[in-house]
Amino acid sequence: MTAKHKKVQHALTDIEAALSSLGLWQTTAPSPDALASTQPFCIDTLTFPQWIQFIFLERMQYLCEVKAALPEQCGIAPMSEEYFRPLTHNGQALTQSLLYIDEILAGH
């Protein structure tokens, strides 16, 4: 496993912990139909935290496990900022973890 894969896996653990600390970690997956959305971030069927948990984390973990090529950019931290802006949750830890993974993938 490359150093980049290891950094990504560490960041994924931080993202999971941030979702959990916010009370946004779910034990039950959304329906297969909800997960099959073709819209960006499954915006029509999932909340942003659900997308992170059930789409993003799972996909990135798989890429790390099989040592596959990682995306060269991600850019999901701004989406996190927008999602949490109107809410009472403080999503700062989650947004910072997402920013870190954005930076890793961009090669910074």
C-alpha atoms as a PDB file:
ATOM      1  CA  MET A   1       0.000   0.000   0.000  1.00  0.00           C
ATOM      2  CA  THR A   2       1.357   3.401  -0.929  1.00  0.00           C
ATOM      3  CA  ALA A   3       1.868   6.254   1.500  1.00  0.00           C
ATOM      4  CA  LYS A   4      -0.973   8.091  -0.222  1.00  0.00           C
ATOM      5  CA  HIS A   5      -3.333   5.153   0.344  1.00  0.00           C
ATOM      6  CA  LYS A   6      -2.337   5.071   4.034  1.00  0.00           C
ATOM      7  CA  LYS A   7      -2.994   8.799   4.411  1.00  0.00           C
ATOM      8  CA  VAL A   8      -6.383   8.403   2.745  1.00  0.00           C
ATOM      9  CA  GLN A   9      -7.294   5.500   5.039  1.00  0.00           C
ATOM     10  CA  HIS A  10      -6.364   7.587   8.076  1.00  0.00           C
ATOM     11  CA  ALA A  11      -8.484  10.463   6.775  1.00  0.00           C
ATOM     12  CA  LEU A  12     -11.415   8.081   6.195  1.00  0.00           C
ATOM     13  CA  THR A  13     -11.201   7.006   9.842  1.00  0.00           C
ATOM     14  CA  ASP A  14     -11.285  10.670  10.887  1.00  0.00           C
ATOM     15  CA  ILE A  15     -14.335  11.283   8.677  1.00  0.00           C
ATOM     16  CA  GLU A  16     -16.147   8.323  10.228  1.00  0.00           C
ATOM     17  CA  ALA A  17     -15.317   9.585  13.728  1.00  0.00           C
ATOM     18  CA  ALA A  18     -16.532  13.086  12.861  1.00  0.00           C
ATOM     19  CA  LEU A  19     -19.843  11.756  11.525  1.00  0.00           C
ATOM     20  CA  SER A  20     -20.256   9.654  14.653  1.00  0.00           C
ATOM     21  CA  SER A  21     -19.480  12.530  17.024  1.00  0.00           C
ATOM     22  CA  LEU A  22     -22.104  14.632  15.246  1.00  0.00           C
ATOM     23  CA  GLY A  23     -24.665  11.857  15.715  1.00  0.00           C
ATOM     24  CA  LEU A  24     -24.916  11.472  11.941  1.00  0.00           C
ATOM     25  CA  TRP A  25     -23.551   7.917  11.638  1.00  0.00           C
ATOM     26  CA  GLN A  26     -26.327   5.528  10.629  1.00  0.00           C
ATOM     27  CA  THR A  27     -26.492   1.828  11.391  1.00  0.00           C
ATOM     28  CA  THR A  28     -29.010   1.110   8.628  1.00  0.00           C
ATOM     29  CA  ALA A  29     -28.160   1.710   5.001  1.00  0.00           C
ATOM     30  CA  PRO A  30     -30.542   3.617   2.743  1.00  0.00           C
ATOM     31  CA  SER A  31     -32.541   1.616   0.216  1.00  0.00           C
ATOM     32  CA  PRO A  32     -30.774   0.297  -2.891  1.00  0.00           C
ATOM     33  CA  ASP A  33     -32.862   2.734  -4.965  1.00  0.00           C
ATOM     34  CA  ALA A  34     -31.610   5.683  -2.903  1.00  0.00           C
ATOM     35  CA  LEU A  35     -28.020   4.512  -3.322  1.00  0.00           C
ATOM     36  CA  ALA A  36     -28.475   4.113  -7.083  1.00  0.00           C
ATOM     37  CA  SER A  37     -29.160   7.812  -7.716  1.00  0.00           C
ATOM     38  CA  THR A  38     -27.331   9.292 -10.689  1.00  0.00           C
ATOM     39  CA  GLN A  39     -27.411  12.847  -9.320  1.00  0.00           C
ATOM     40  CA  PRO A  40     -24.195  14.375  -7.916  1.00  0.00           C
ATOM     41  CA  PHE A  41     -23.847  13.461  -4.227  1.00  0.00           C
ATOM     42  CA  CYS A  42     -27.162  11.552  -4.610  1.00  0.00           C
ATOM     43  CA  ILE A  43     -28.691  14.908  -3.729  1.00  0.00           C
ATOM     44  CA  ASP A  44     -32.146  13.707  -4.715  1.00  0.00           C
ATOM     45  CA  THR A  45     -32.175  10.630  -2.459  1.00  0.00           C
ATOM     46  CA  LEU A  46     -29.599  11.026   0.343  1.00  0.00           C
ATOM     47  CA  THR A  47     -28.496  13.653   2.811  1.00  0.00           C
ATOM     48  CA  PHE A  48     -24.891  14.773   2.460  1.00  0.00           C
ATOM     49  CA  PRO A  49     -23.816  12.773   5.556  1.00  0.00           C
ATOM     50  CA  GLN A  50     -25.516   9.676   4.141  1.00  0.00           C
ATOM     51  CA  TRP A  51     -23.673  10.156   0.856  1.00  0.00           C
ATOM     52  CA  ILE A  52     -20.371  10.449   2.727  1.00  0.00           C
ATOM     53  CA  GLN A  53     -21.045   7.316   4.776  1.00  0.00           C
ATOM     54  CA  PHE A  54     -22.616   5.013   2.231  1.00  0.00           C
ATOM     55  CA  ILE A  55     -21.059   6.141  -1.050  1.00  0.00           C
ATOM     56  CA  PHE A  56     -17.846   8.105  -0.498  1.00  0.00           C
ATOM     57  CA  LEU A  57     -16.367   6.208   2.461  1.00  0.00           C
ATOM     58  CA  GLU A  58     -17.205   2.814   1.021  1.00  0.00           C
ATOM     59  CA  ARG A  59     -15.815   3.645  -2.419  1.00  0.00           C
ATOM     60  CA  MET A  60     -12.610   5.192  -1.081  1.00  0.00           C
ATOM     61  CA  GLN A  61     -12.063   2.343   1.388  1.00  0.00           C
ATOM     62  CA  TYR A  62     -12.436  -0.151  -1.461  1.00  0.00           C
ATOM     63  CA  LEU A  63      -9.917   1.735  -3.616  1.00  0.00           C
ATOM     64  CA  CYS A  64      -7.446   1.679  -0.737  1.00  0.00           C
ATOM     65  CA  GLU A  65      -7.987  -2.008   0.019  1.00  0.00           C
ATOM     66  CA  VAL A  66      -7.352  -3.094  -3.567  1.00  0.00           C
ATOM     67  CA  LYS A  67      -4.563  -0.530  -3.982  1.00  0.00           C
ATOM     68  CA  ALA A  68      -6.357   0.966  -6.974  1.00  0.00           C
ATOM     69  CA  ALA A  69      -5.623   4.365  -8.427  1.00  0.00           C
ATOM     70  CA  LEU A  70      -7.113   7.133  -6.320  1.00  0.00           C
ATOM     71  CA  PRO A  71      -8.900  10.132  -7.794  1.00  0.00           C
ATOM     72  CA  GLU A  72      -6.594  13.060  -8.476  1.00  0.00           C
ATOM     73  CA  GLN A  73      -9.077  15.517  -7.048  1.00  0.00           C
ATOM     74  CA  CYS A  74     -12.146  15.384  -4.895  1.00  0.00           C
ATOM     75  CA  GLY A  75     -13.312  18.809  -3.747  1.00  0.00           C
ATOM     76  CA  ILE A  76     -15.955  17.740  -1.208  1.00  0.00           C
ATOM     77  CA  ALA A  77     -14.962  20.060   1.652  1.00  0.00           C
ATOM     78  CA  PRO A  78     -16.870  23.001   0.088  1.00  0.00           C
ATOM     79  CA  MET A  79     -19.981  20.804  -0.114  1.00  0.00           C
ATOM     80  CA  SER A  80     -19.618  20.083   3.597  1.00  0.00           C
ATOM     81  CA  GLU A  81     -19.348  23.801   4.373  1.00  0.00           C
ATOM     82  CA  GLU A  82     -22.532  24.476   2.420  1.00  0.00           C
ATOM     83  CA  TYR A  83     -24.401  21.600   4.044  1.00  0.00           C
ATOM     84  CA  PHE A  84     -23.588  22.681   7.609  1.00  0.00           C
ATOM     85  CA  ARG A  85     -23.926  26.440   7.111  1.00  0.00           C
ATOM     86  CA  PRO A  86     -27.684  26.621   7.910  1.00  0.00           C
ATOM     87  CA  LEU A  87     -27.625  23.867  10.554  1.00  0.00           C
ATOM     88  CA  THR A  88     -27.087  23.967  14.290  1.00  0.00           C
ATOM     89  CA  HIS A  89     -24.511  21.133  14.032  1.00  0.00           C
ATOM     90  CA  ASN A  90     -20.916  22.281  14.085  1.00  0.00           C
ATOM     91  CA  GLY A  91     -19.508  20.380  11.139  1.00  0.00           C
ATOM     92  CA  GLN A  92     -16.027  21.896  11.449  1.00  0.00           C
ATOM     93  CA  ALA A  93     -14.265  18.604  12.324  1.00  0.00           C
ATOM     94  CA  LEU A  94     -15.937  16.811   9.435  1.00  0.00           C
ATOM     95  CA  THR A  95     -15.198  19.637   7.022  1.00  0.00           C
ATOM     96  CA  GLN A  96     -11.535  19.691   8.131  1.00  0.00           C
ATOM     97  CA  SER A  97     -11.236  15.931   7.581  1.00  0.00           C
ATOM     98  CA  LEU A  98     -12.782  16.303   4.134  1.00  0.00           C
ATOM     99  CA  LEU A  99     -10.423  19.177   3.348  1.00  0.00           C
ATOM    100  CA  TYR A 100      -7.503  16.968   4.369  1.00  0.00           C
ATOM    101  CA  ILE A 101      -8.601  14.200   2.013  1.00  0.00           C
ATOM    102  CA  ASP A 102      -9.093  16.794  -0.753  1.00  0.00           C
ATOM    103  CA  GLU A 103      -5.494  17.921  -0.204  1.00  0.00           C
ATOM    104  CA  ILE A 104      -4.105  14.367  -0.138  1.00  0.00           C
ATOM    105  CA  LEU A 105      -5.786  13.489  -3.407  1.00  0.00           C
ATOM    106  CA  ALA A 106      -4.643  16.717  -5.049  1.00  0.00           C
ATOM    107  CA  GLY A 107      -1.067  15.884  -4.047  1.00  0.00           C
ATOM    108  CA  HIS A 108      -0.587  18.693  -1.518  1.00  0.00           C
END
